[in-house]
C-alpha atoms as a PDB file:
ATOM      1  CA  MET A   1      17.826 -29.437 -93.214  1.00  0.00           C
ATOM      2  CA  PRO A   2      18.166 -32.605 -91.081  1.00  0.00           C
ATOM      3  CA  ALA A   3      19.837 -32.337 -87.700  1.00  0.00           C
ATOM      4  CA  LYS A   4      21.870 -35.525 -88.139  1.00  0.00           C
ATOM      5  CA  VAL A   5      22.665 -37.856 -91.037  1.00  0.00           C
ATOM      6  CA  SER A   6      24.303 -41.293 -90.992  1.00  0.00           C
ATOM      7  CA  SER A   7      27.027 -40.970 -93.590  1.00  0.00           C
ATOM      8  CA  SER A   8      30.703 -41.533 -94.298  1.00  0.00           C
ATOM      9  CA  ALA A   9      32.753 -38.472 -95.141  1.00  0.00           C
ATOM     10  CA  THR A  10      34.051 -38.158 -98.686  1.00  0.00           C
ATOM     11  CA  ALA A  11      37.745 -37.734 -99.410  1.00  0.00           C
ATOM     12  CA  HIS A  12      36.979 -34.128-100.337  1.00  0.00           C
ATOM     13  CA  ALA A  13      35.368 -33.520 -96.947  1.00  0.00           C
ATOM     14  CA  THR A  14      38.393 -34.964 -95.141  1.00  0.00           C
ATOM     15  CA  ALA A  15      40.978 -33.126 -97.254  1.00  0.00           C
ATOM     16  CA  LEU A  16      42.098 -31.149 -94.206  1.00  0.00           C
ATOM     17  CA  SER A  17      42.932 -34.230 -92.131  1.00  0.00           C
ATOM     18  CA  GLU A  18      44.429 -36.064 -95.117  1.00  0.00           C
ATOM     19  CA  SER A  19      47.243 -33.523 -95.334  1.00  0.00           C
ATOM     20  CA  ARG A  20      48.731 -35.166 -92.277  1.00  0.00           C
ATOM     21  CA  GLY A  21      52.113 -35.764 -90.711  1.00  0.00           C
ATOM     22  CA  GLN A  22      53.537 -32.378 -91.645  1.00  0.00           C
ATOM     23  CA  ASP A  23      55.388 -30.228 -89.113  1.00  0.00           C
ATOM     24  CA  LYS A  24      55.030 -27.149 -91.289  1.00  0.00           C
ATOM     25  CA  LYS A  25      52.854 -26.038 -94.147  1.00  0.00           C
ATOM     26  CA  ASP A  26      53.535 -27.815 -97.409  1.00  0.00           C
ATOM     27  CA  PHE A  27      52.173 -25.514-100.068  1.00  0.00           C
ATOM     28  CA  HIS A  28      52.669 -28.178-102.717  1.00  0.00           C
ATOM     29  CA  CYS A  29      49.976 -30.213-100.926  1.00  0.00           C
ATOM     30  CA  ASP A  30      47.915 -27.290 -99.627  1.00  0.00           C
ATOM     31  CA  SER A  31      47.059 -25.937-103.072  1.00  0.00           C
ATOM     32  CA  CYS A  32      44.790 -28.944-103.636  1.00  0.00           C
ATOM     33  CA  HIS A  33      43.875 -29.775-100.037  1.00  0.00           C
ATOM     34  CA  PHE A  34      42.946 -26.135 -99.307  1.00  0.00           C
ATOM     35  CA  PRO A  35      42.330 -24.606-102.757  1.00  0.00           C
ATOM     36  CA  ASP A  36      41.437 -20.994-103.387  1.00  0.00           C
ATOM     37  CA  ALA A  37      38.935 -20.047-106.112  1.00  0.00           C
ATOM     38  CA  PHE A  38      40.309 -20.719-109.606  1.00  0.00           C
ATOM     39  CA  ASN A  39      39.330 -20.368-113.251  1.00  0.00           C
ATOM     40  CA  ILE A  40      38.681 -23.532-115.258  1.00  0.00           C
ATOM     41  CA  THR A  41      40.988 -23.570-118.280  1.00  0.00           C
ATOM     42  CA  ASP A  42      40.113 -24.963-121.688  1.00  0.00           C
ATOM     43  CA  LYS A  43      40.545 -28.736-122.104  1.00  0.00           C
ATOM     44  CA  GLY A  44      42.984 -28.323-124.967  1.00  0.00           C
ATOM     45  CA  ALA A  45      45.054 -25.530-123.457  1.00  0.00           C
ATOM     46  CA  ASP A  46      48.599 -26.005-122.227  1.00  0.00           C
ATOM     47  CA  GLY A  47      49.789 -24.864-118.843  1.00  0.00           C
ATOM     48  CA  LYS A  48      46.994 -26.026-116.576  1.00  0.00           C
ATOM     49  CA  THR A  49      48.110 -25.418-113.019  1.00  0.00           C
ATOM     50  CA  LYS A  50      46.959 -26.329-109.557  1.00  0.00           C
ATOM     51  CA  PRO A  51      44.826 -23.786-107.661  1.00  0.00           C
ATOM     52  CA  LYS A  52      46.470 -21.341-105.293  1.00  0.00           C
ATOM     53  CA  THR A  53      46.317 -22.114-101.582  1.00  0.00           C
ATOM     54  CA  ALA A  54      43.415 -20.462 -99.788  1.00  0.00           C
ATOM     55  CA  ALA A  55      44.227 -17.945 -97.067  1.00  0.00           C
ATOM     56  CA  ALA A  56      42.007 -19.723 -94.527  1.00  0.00           C
ATOM     57  CA  VAL A  57      43.067 -23.362 -94.532  1.00  0.00           C
ATOM     58  CA  ASN A  58      40.875 -24.726 -91.753  1.00  0.00           C
ATOM     59  CA  GLY A  59      38.064 -25.900 -93.997  1.00  0.00           C
ATOM     60  CA  GLY A  60      39.747 -28.215 -96.455  1.00  0.00           C
ATOM     61  CA  LEU A  61      37.609 -28.729 -99.569  1.00  0.00           C
ATOM     62  CA  THR A  62      34.219 -27.044 -99.354  1.00  0.00           C
ATOM     63  CA  CYS A  63      31.440 -26.141-101.785  1.00  0.00           C
ATOM     64  CA  ALA A  64      33.318 -22.914-102.565  1.00  0.00           C
ATOM     65  CA  SER A  65      36.408 -24.826-103.670  1.00  0.00           C
ATOM     66  CA  CYS A  66      34.702 -25.850-106.918  1.00  0.00           C
ATOM     67  CA  HIS A  67      31.708 -23.514-107.208  1.00  0.00           C
ATOM     68  CA  LEU A  68      33.211 -20.112-106.324  1.00  0.00           C
ATOM     69  CA  THR A  69      34.877 -18.131-109.113  1.00  0.00           C
ATOM     70  CA  PRO A  70      37.827 -15.803-108.461  1.00  0.00           C
ATOM     71  CA  ASP A  71      35.555 -12.776-109.013  1.00  0.00           C
ATOM     72  CA  GLY A  72      33.070 -13.916-106.383  1.00  0.00           C
ATOM     73  CA  ASN A  73      30.327 -15.523-108.471  1.00  0.00           C
ATOM     74  CA  ILE A  74      28.805 -18.948-107.855  1.00  0.00           C
ATOM     75  CA  ARG A  75      29.155 -21.200-110.889  1.00  0.00           C
ATOM     76  CA  ALA A  76      26.771 -24.000-111.801  1.00  0.00           C
ATOM     77  CA  SER A  77      26.212 -26.238-114.802  1.00  0.00           C
ATOM     78  CA  HIS A  78      22.666 -24.907-115.316  1.00  0.00           C
ATOM     79  CA  SER A  79      20.983 -21.502-115.209  1.00  0.00           C
ATOM     80  CA  THR A  80      19.296 -20.283-112.032  1.00  0.00           C
ATOM     81  CA  SER A  81      16.960 -17.440-111.129  1.00  0.00           C
ATOM     82  CA  GLY A  82      16.092 -15.784-107.855  1.00  0.00           C
ATOM     83  CA  ALA A  83      19.302 -16.825-106.123  1.00  0.00           C
ATOM     84  CA  PRO A  84      20.535 -14.512-103.331  1.00  0.00           C
ATOM     85  CA  HIS A  85      23.952 -14.324-105.009  1.00  0.00           C
ATOM     86  CA  LYS A  86      25.461 -13.819-108.444  1.00  0.00           C
ATOM     87  CA  THR A  87      25.579 -16.974-110.555  1.00  0.00           C
ATOM     88  CA  VAL A  88      27.251 -17.950-113.813  1.00  0.00           C
ATOM     89  CA  VAL A  89      26.672 -20.986-116.023  1.00  0.00           C
ATOM     90  CA  GLU A  90      29.852 -23.069-116.338  1.00  0.00           C
ATOM     91  CA  PRO A  91      29.468 -26.213-118.512  1.00  0.00           C
ATOM     92  CA  ALA A  92      33.066 -27.206-117.693  1.00  0.00           C
ATOM     93  CA  LEU A  93      31.869 -28.228-114.226  1.00  0.00           C
ATOM     94  CA  GLN A  94      30.683 -31.418-115.927  1.00  0.00           C
ATOM     95  CA  SER A  95      33.971 -32.078-117.718  1.00  0.00           C
ATOM     96  CA  SER A  96      37.150 -33.857-116.693  1.00  0.00           C
ATOM     97  CA  VAL A  97      39.146 -30.653-117.072  1.00  0.00           C
ATOM     98  CA  MET A  98      37.477 -29.399-113.888  1.00  0.00           C
ATOM     99  CA  CYS A  99      38.924 -32.330-111.957  1.00  0.00           C
ATOM    100  CA  GLY A 100      42.278 -32.141-113.720  1.00  0.00           C
ATOM    101  CA  HIS A 101      43.413 -29.018-111.896  1.00  0.00           C
ATOM    102  CA  CYS A 102      44.045 -31.139-108.798  1.00  0.00           C
ATOM    103  CA  HIS A 103      43.838 -34.708-110.059  1.00  0.00           C
ATOM    104  CA  GLY A 104      46.834 -34.975-112.276  1.00  0.00           C
ATOM    105  CA  TYR A 105      47.437 -32.072-114.596  1.00  0.00           C
ATOM    106  CA  GLN A 106      50.320 -30.262-112.957  1.00  0.00           C
ATOM    107  CA  SER A 107      52.143 -28.111-115.507  1.00  0.00           C
ATOM    108  CA  PRO A 108      54.808 -28.515-116.781  1.00  0.00           C
ATOM    109  CA  ASP A 109      54.586 -32.276-116.168  1.00  0.00           C
ATOM    110  CA  LYS A 110      53.818 -34.514-119.143  1.00  0.00           C
ATOM    111  CA  ARG A 111      52.283 -37.964-119.271  1.00  0.00           C
ATOM    112  CA  VAL A 112      54.704 -40.493-117.777  1.00  0.00           C
ATOM    113  CA  PRO A 113      53.155 -44.005-117.655  1.00  0.00           C
ATOM    114  CA  GLY A 114      53.357 -45.389-114.137  1.00  0.00           C
ATOM    115  CA  LYS A 115      53.970 -42.049-112.446  1.00  0.00           C
ATOM    116  CA  MET A 116      51.875 -40.900-109.474  1.00  0.00           C
ATOM    117  CA  PHE A 117      49.285 -38.084-109.552  1.00  0.00           C
ATOM    118  CA  GLN A 118      48.605 -38.262-113.298  1.00  0.00           C
ATOM    119  CA  THR A 119      44.968 -39.371-113.279  1.00  0.00           C
ATOM    120  CA  PHE A 120      43.752 -36.626-115.631  1.00  0.00           C
ATOM    121  CA  LEU A 121      46.559 -37.285-118.106  1.00  0.00           C
ATOM    122  CA  GLU A 122      45.850 -41.026-117.922  1.00  0.00           C
ATOM    123  CA  TRP A 123      42.217 -40.317-118.806  1.00  0.00           C
ATOM    124  CA  GLN A 124      43.101 -37.869-121.574  1.00  0.00           C
ATOM    125  CA  GLU A 125      45.963 -39.768-123.239  1.00  0.00           C
ATOM    126  CA  ASP A 126      45.018 -43.416-122.622  1.00  0.00           C
ATOM    127  CA  TYR A 127      41.196 -43.326-122.622  1.00  0.00           C
ATOM    128  CA  TYR A 128      39.670 -40.233-124.251  1.00  0.00           C
ATOM    129  CA  LYS A 129      42.023 -39.517-127.159  1.00  0.00           C
ATOM    130  CA  PRO A 130      42.320 -43.170-128.370  1.00  0.00           C
ATOM    131  CA  GLY A 131      38.517 -43.398-128.464  1.00  0.00           C
ATOM    132  CA  LEU A 132      37.993 -45.944-125.692  1.00  0.00           C
ATOM    133  CA  GLY A 133      35.104 -43.792-124.501  1.00  0.00           C
ATOM    134  CA  LYS A 134      33.706 -40.291-124.079  1.00  0.00           C
ATOM    135  CA  ASP A 135      32.957 -40.515-120.362  1.00  0.00           C
ATOM    136  CA  GLN A 136      34.075 -37.639-118.187  1.00  0.00           C
ATOM    137  CA  CYS A 137      35.281 -38.148-114.607  1.00  0.00           C
ATOM    138  CA  GLN A 138      31.859 -37.141-113.286  1.00  0.00           C
ATOM    139  CA  ASP A 139      30.072 -39.905-115.205  1.00  0.00           C
ATOM    140  CA  CYS A 140      31.622 -42.535-112.922  1.00  0.00           C
ATOM    141  CA  HIS A 141      32.569 -40.628-109.797  1.00  0.00           C
ATOM    142  CA  MET A 142      29.458 -38.412-109.553  1.00  0.00           C
ATOM    143  CA  PRO A 143      26.546 -40.614-110.724  1.00  0.00           C
ATOM    144  CA  ARG A 144      23.486 -38.509-111.472  1.00  0.00           C
ATOM    145  CA  THR A 145      20.269 -38.233-109.501  1.00  0.00           C
ATOM    146  CA  LEU A 146      17.129 -36.062-109.481  1.00  0.00           C
ATOM    147  CA  ARG A 147      16.954 -33.633-106.564  1.00  0.00           C
ATOM    148  CA  LYS A 148      16.498 -29.993-105.620  1.00  0.00           C
ATOM    149  CA  THR A 149      19.766 -28.089-105.791  1.00  0.00           C
ATOM    150  CA  ALA A 150      18.596 -25.673-103.085  1.00  0.00           C
ATOM    151  CA  GLU A 151      16.623 -27.609-100.489  1.00  0.00           C
ATOM    152  CA  ASP A 152      15.087 -24.607 -98.704  1.00  0.00           C
ATOM    153  CA  PHE A 153      13.876 -22.903-101.892  1.00  0.00           C
ATOM    154  CA  ASP A 154      10.883 -23.521-104.151  1.00  0.00           C
ATOM    155  CA  VAL A 155      12.807 -24.908-107.110  1.00  0.00           C
ATOM    156  CA  PRO A 156      12.126 -27.993-109.267  1.00  0.00           C
ATOM    157  CA  PRO A 157      14.229 -31.159-109.034  1.00  0.00           C
ATOM    158  CA  ARG A 158      17.100 -31.282-111.515  1.00  0.00           C
ATOM    159  CA  SER A 159      19.425 -33.939-112.863  1.00  0.00           C
ATOM    160  CA  VAL A 160      22.613 -33.351-110.886  1.00  0.00           C
ATOM    161  CA  GLY A 161      25.712 -35.305-109.955  1.00  0.00           C
ATOM    162  CA  ARG A 162      25.884 -36.918-106.541  1.00  0.00           C
ATOM    163  CA  HIS A 163      28.634 -35.316-104.479  1.00  0.00           C
ATOM    164  CA  THR A 164      29.916 -38.648-103.159  1.00  0.00           C
ATOM    165  CA  TRP A 165      33.010 -38.895-105.399  1.00  0.00           C
ATOM    166  CA  THR A 166      33.283 -42.663-105.194  1.00  0.00           C
ATOM    167  CA  GLY A 167      36.880 -43.663-105.840  1.00  0.00           C
ATOM    168  CA  ALA A 168      39.836 -45.404-104.219  1.00  0.00           C
ATOM    169  CA  HIS A 169      37.889 -46.084-101.015  1.00  0.00           C
ATOM    170  CA  SER A 170      34.739 -47.288-102.818  1.00  0.00           C
ATOM    171  CA  ARG A 171      34.135 -50.986-103.295  1.00  0.00           C
ATOM    172  CA  GLN A 172      31.724 -50.318-106.169  1.00  0.00           C
ATOM    173  CA  ARG A 173      34.570 -48.711-108.139  1.00  0.00           C
ATOM    174  CA  HIS A 174      36.948 -51.600-107.398  1.00  0.00           C
ATOM    175  CA  LEU A 175      34.476 -54.258-108.519  1.00  0.00           C
ATOM    176  CA  SER A 176      33.989 -52.646-111.933  1.00  0.00           C
ATOM    177  CA  SER A 177      37.615 -51.837-112.718  1.00  0.00           C
ATOM    178  CA  LEU A 178      39.626 -55.033-113.322  1.00  0.00           C
ATOM    179  CA  SER A 179      39.213 -58.640-114.429  1.00  0.00           C
ATOM    180  CA  VAL A 180      41.588 -61.598-114.238  1.00  0.00           C
ATOM    181  CA  THR A 181      41.721 -64.748-116.380  1.00  0.00           C
ATOM    182  CA  ILE A 182      43.910 -67.842-115.886  1.00  0.00           C
ATOM    183  CA  VAL A 183      45.288 -69.615-118.964  1.00  0.00           C
ATOM    184  CA  GLN A 184      47.249 -72.873-119.244  1.00  0.00           C
ATOM    185  CA  PRO A 185      48.847 -72.320-122.686  1.00  0.00           C
ATOM    186  CA  TYR A 186      50.054 -75.900-123.153  1.00  0.00           C
ATOM    187  CA  GLU A 187      48.163 -78.989-122.051  1.00  0.00           C
ATOM    188  CA  ASN A 188      49.725 -80.825-119.094  1.00  0.00           C
ATOM    189  CA  LYS A 189      52.561 -78.282-118.899  1.00  0.00           C
ATOM    190  CA  GLN A 190      53.531 -76.443-115.711  1.00  0.00           C
ATOM    191  CA  SER A 191      53.047 -73.106-117.417  1.00  0.00           C
ATOM    192  CA  LEU A 192      50.475 -70.475-116.495  1.00  0.00           C
ATOM    193  CA  ASP A 193      49.480 -67.064-117.832  1.00  0.00           C
ATOM    194  CA  PHE A 194      47.379 -64.528-115.941  1.00  0.00           C
ATOM    195  CA  ALA A 195      45.615 -61.835-117.962  1.00  0.00           C
ATOM    196  CA  VAL A 196      44.728 -58.767-115.906  1.00  0.00           C
ATOM    197  CA  VAL A 197      42.499 -56.377-117.864  1.00  0.00           C
ATOM    198  CA  ASN A 198      41.432 -52.826-117.083  1.00  0.00           C
ATOM    199  CA  ILE A 199      37.823 -53.288-118.156  1.00  0.00           C
ATOM    200  CA  GLY A 200      36.077 -50.393-116.452  1.00  0.00           C
ATOM    201  CA  ALA A 201      38.308 -47.496-115.405  1.00  0.00           C
ATOM    202  CA  GLY A 202      38.977 -44.515-117.636  1.00  0.00           C
ATOM    203  CA  HIS A 203      42.450 -44.186-116.129  1.00  0.00           C
ATOM    204  CA  SER A 204      45.200 -46.428-114.778  1.00  0.00           C
ATOM    205  CA  VAL A 205      44.525 -48.791-111.870  1.00  0.00           C
ATOM    206  CA  PRO A 206      45.690 -48.042-109.298  1.00  0.00           C
ATOM    207  CA  THR A 207      46.015 -44.306-109.867  1.00  0.00           C
ATOM    208  CA  GLY A 208      46.949 -41.201-107.919  1.00  0.00           C
ATOM    209  CA  GLU A 209      48.894 -41.682-104.728  1.00  0.00           C
ATOM    210  CA  PRO A 210      51.906 -44.039-104.747  1.00  0.00           C
ATOM    211  CA  SER A 211      50.485 -45.713-101.635  1.00  0.00           C
ATOM    212  CA  ARG A 212      47.708 -47.282-103.736  1.00  0.00           C
ATOM    213  CA  ALA A 213      48.299 -50.846-104.882  1.00  0.00           C
ATOM    214  CA  VAL A 214      46.644 -53.814-106.548  1.00  0.00           C
ATOM    215  CA  TYR A 215      47.910 -57.299-105.708  1.00  0.00           C
ATOM    216  CA  LEU A 216      47.570 -60.389-107.885  1.00  0.00           C
ATOM    217  CA  GLN A 217      47.808 -63.367-105.541  1.00  0.00           C
ATOM    218  CA  VAL A 218      47.944 -66.865-107.026  1.00  0.00           C
ATOM    219  CA  GLU A 219      47.693 -70.127-105.098  1.00  0.00           C
ATOM    220  CA  VAL A 220      47.979 -73.668-106.465  1.00  0.00           C
ATOM    221  CA  SER A 221      46.354 -76.465-104.436  1.00  0.00           C
ATOM    222  CA  ASP A 222      46.357 -80.233-104.937  1.00  0.00           C
ATOM    223  CA  LYS A 223      43.270 -82.466-105.036  1.00  0.00           C
ATOM    224  CA  LYS A 224      43.218 -82.586-101.218  1.00  0.00           C
ATOM    225  CA  GLY A 225      43.117 -78.801-101.010  1.00  0.00           C
ATOM    226  CA  VAL A 226      46.691 -78.517 -99.742  1.00  0.00           C
ATOM    227  CA  SER A 227      48.514 -75.427-100.984  1.00  0.00           C
ATOM    228  CA  THR A 228      51.615 -76.352-102.982  1.00  0.00           C
ATOM    229  CA  SER A 229      52.739 -73.091-104.611  1.00  0.00           C
ATOM    230  CA  ARG A 230      52.085 -69.365-104.249  1.00  0.00           C
ATOM    231  CA  LYS A 231      52.987 -66.281-106.237  1.00  0.00           C
ATOM    232  CA  GLU A 232      52.241 -62.567-105.840  1.00  0.00           C
ATOM    233  CA  TRP A 233      52.610 -59.496-108.049  1.00  0.00           C
ATOM    234  CA  MET A 234      52.004 -55.901-107.013  1.00  0.00           C
ATOM    235  CA  PHE A 235      50.867 -53.057-109.293  1.00  0.00           C
ATOM    236  CA  ALA A 236      51.397 -49.478-108.096  1.00  0.00           C
ATOM    237  CA  PRO A 237      52.207 -45.946-109.256  1.00  0.00           C
ATOM    238  CA  THR A 238      55.599 -44.518-108.285  1.00  0.00           C
ATOM    239  CA  THR A 239      57.078 -41.072-107.724  1.00  0.00           C
ATOM    240  CA  ASP A 240      59.114 -41.090-110.933  1.00  0.00           C
ATOM    241  CA  GLY A 241      57.429 -43.686-113.140  1.00  0.00           C
ATOM    242  CA  GLN A 242      60.076 -46.320-112.353  1.00  0.00           C
ATOM    243  CA  THR A 243      58.851 -49.715-111.139  1.00  0.00           C
ATOM    244  CA  THR A 244      61.167 -49.870-108.137  1.00  0.00           C
ATOM    245  CA  ASP A 245      60.771 -47.964-104.877  1.00  0.00           C
ATOM    246  CA  VAL A 246      61.086 -48.553-101.119  1.00  0.00           C
ATOM    247  CA  MET A 247      58.850 -51.623-101.488  1.00  0.00           C
ATOM    248  CA  GLY A 248      61.150 -53.160-104.088  1.00  0.00           C
ATOM    249  CA  PRO A 249      60.437 -53.998-107.746  1.00  0.00           C
ATOM    250  CA  HIS A 250      56.804 -54.116-108.822  1.00  0.00           C
ATOM    251  CA  GLU A 251      54.533 -53.840-111.837  1.00  0.00           C
ATOM    252  CA  ALA A 252      53.392 -50.483-113.197  1.00  0.00           C
ATOM    253  CA  SER A 253      49.718 -49.567-112.900  1.00  0.00           C
ATOM    254  CA  ILE A 254      47.404 -51.083-115.519  1.00  0.00           C
ATOM    255  CA  ARG A 255      46.476 -48.436-118.071  1.00  0.00           C
ATOM    256  CA  ALA A 256      42.967 -47.757-119.370  1.00  0.00           C
ATOM    257  CA  GLY A 257      41.952 -50.559-121.728  1.00  0.00           C
ATOM    258  CA  GLU A 258      45.197 -52.460-121.160  1.00  0.00           C
ATOM    259  CA  GLU A 259      45.503 -56.244-120.926  1.00  0.00           C
ATOM    260  CA  ARG A 260      48.587 -57.179-118.911  1.00  0.00           C
ATOM    261  CA  THR A 261      49.744 -60.816-119.117  1.00  0.00           C
ATOM    262  CA  LEU A 262      51.984 -62.222-116.393  1.00  0.00           C
ATOM    263  CA  HIS A 263      53.683 -65.605-116.706  1.00  0.00           C
ATOM    264  CA  TRP A 264      54.545 -68.176-114.046  1.00  0.00           C
ATOM    265  CA  ASP A 265      56.065 -71.677-114.196  1.00  0.00           C
ATOM    266  CA  PRO A 266      55.302 -73.264-110.812  1.00  0.00           C
ATOM    267  CA  ALA A 267      57.252 -76.383-109.838  1.00  0.00           C
ATOM    268  CA  LEU A 268      54.565 -79.075-109.606  1.00  0.00           C
ATOM    269  CA  ALA A 269      54.664 -82.847-109.261  1.00  0.00           C
ATOM    270  CA  PRO A 270      52.515 -84.793-111.729  1.00  0.00           C
ATOM    271  CA  GLY A 271      48.839 -84.575-110.807  1.00  0.00           C
ATOM    272  CA  GLU A 272      45.687 -82.454-110.856  1.00  0.00           C
ATOM    273  CA  TYR A 273      45.661 -79.002-109.306  1.00  0.00           C
ATOM    274  CA  THR A 274      43.338 -76.070-108.748  1.00  0.00           C
ATOM    275  CA  VAL A 275      44.752 -72.641-109.513  1.00  0.00           C
ATOM    276  CA  LYS A 276      43.079 -69.638-107.888  1.00  0.00           C
ATOM    277  CA  ALA A 277      43.981 -66.062-108.806  1.00  0.00           C
ATOM    278  CA  ARG A 278      42.744 -63.138-106.708  1.00  0.00           C
ATOM    279  CA  LEU A 279      42.995 -59.400-107.329  1.00  0.00           C
ATOM    280  CA  LEU A 280      43.076 -57.317-104.156  1.00  0.00           C
ATOM    281  CA  TYR A 281      43.033 -53.539-103.703  1.00  0.00           C
ATOM    282  CA  CYS A 282      44.986 -51.678-101.025  1.00  0.00           C
ATOM    283  CA  THR A 283      44.789 -47.955-100.247  1.00  0.00           C
ATOM    284  CA  ASP A 284      48.079 -47.840 -98.295  1.00  0.00           C
ATOM    285  CA  ARG A 285      50.705 -50.423 -99.198  1.00  0.00           C
ATOM    286  CA  PHE A 286      53.279 -48.728 -96.943  1.00  0.00           C
ATOM    287  CA  GLN A 287      51.519 -49.840 -93.756  1.00  0.00           C
ATOM    288  CA  THR A 288      53.116 -52.657 -91.742  1.00  0.00           C
ATOM    289  CA  LYS A 289      50.081 -54.857 -92.373  1.00  0.00           C
ATOM    290  CA  PRO A 290      48.239 -53.241 -95.283  1.00  0.00           C
ATOM    291  CA  ALA A 291      44.522 -53.955 -95.497  1.00  0.00           C
ATOM    292  CA  LYS A 292      43.565 -55.628 -98.768  1.00  0.00           C
ATOM    293  CA  GLU A 293      40.071 -55.970-100.237  1.00  0.00           C
ATOM    294  CA  GLU A 294      39.271 -58.549-102.911  1.00  0.00           C
ATOM    295  CA  VAL A 295      38.229 -57.094-106.252  1.00  0.00           C
ATOM    296  CA  THR A 296      37.656 -60.284-108.241  1.00  0.00           C
ATOM    297  CA  SER A 297      38.982 -63.821-108.630  1.00  0.00           C
ATOM    298  CA  ALA A 298      39.270 -66.697-111.097  1.00  0.00           C
ATOM    299  CA  THR A 299      39.763 -70.467-110.740  1.00  0.00           C
ATOM    300  CA  LEU A 300      41.133 -73.073-113.158  1.00  0.00           C
ATOM    301  CA  VAL A 301      41.695 -76.831-112.789  1.00  0.00           C
ATOM    302  CA  ILE A 302      44.891 -77.996-114.510  1.00  0.00           C
ATOM    303  CA  THR A 303      46.855 -81.213-114.956  1.00  0.00           C
ATOM    304  CA  ALA A 304      50.633 -81.381-114.721  1.00  0.00           C
ATOM    305  CA  LYS A 305      52.735 -84.252-116.069  1.00  0.00           C
END
């Protein structure tokens, strides 16, 4: 094993520090930030629940969080031999239901479009069941590679998922999730439509925590490059599925496969203008000056009369 590796910690690895700002234990949070061993329930079964909180909560999410069974076996998606511990084959490790125990299937909650912490239900109800695709969470968030699963043992390389869990903090996920198109429906009219499409995510964007947000920022500039009009929309999940919270009214998250059209009639003097629309992603919209990263953009030259 190497002594040191240049790497950024995954959100799983930092689960302990992410449960921050609490003066006392919050077992609602701890059950996923410090999970005990749990059984993986069937994908079609009702009553999926979050794991119980582990007795020792100083490790956050570790290998044991997913791979240790309640009866003390190590589960894997393939068979092994010669291991110094008991192993069981668990195909569900490669299915979305494995992730759903923490990422959005909290019985007795049901799918509520726009509500926070419903990523699994978004995938199941908006993506998988309608037939938009058969991808499981791991297909995007744990891209596969060939490597030895036990580095210090004489075992052949296998096709396994990378344990990087690219997601809300990963630019590669942002770039493949949304597109934006500008449309001037009527020639020479001061009327604009902006089509935001969820082209790549198998769940809503943004998803999970209510602090996540996507901004659509539009700027209209004249032929000299001087900005004449600006408009901004925000898309975000909320605690109760309502599109109003402490940040004021906003748009609900964009569901898997959805095309959301937003309309704007800017007040423009006659002339030629350049319209630029930018989609930006933010991991914490509640900060005083939230950091925003561009996902994609579009430009259109229009004439107003």
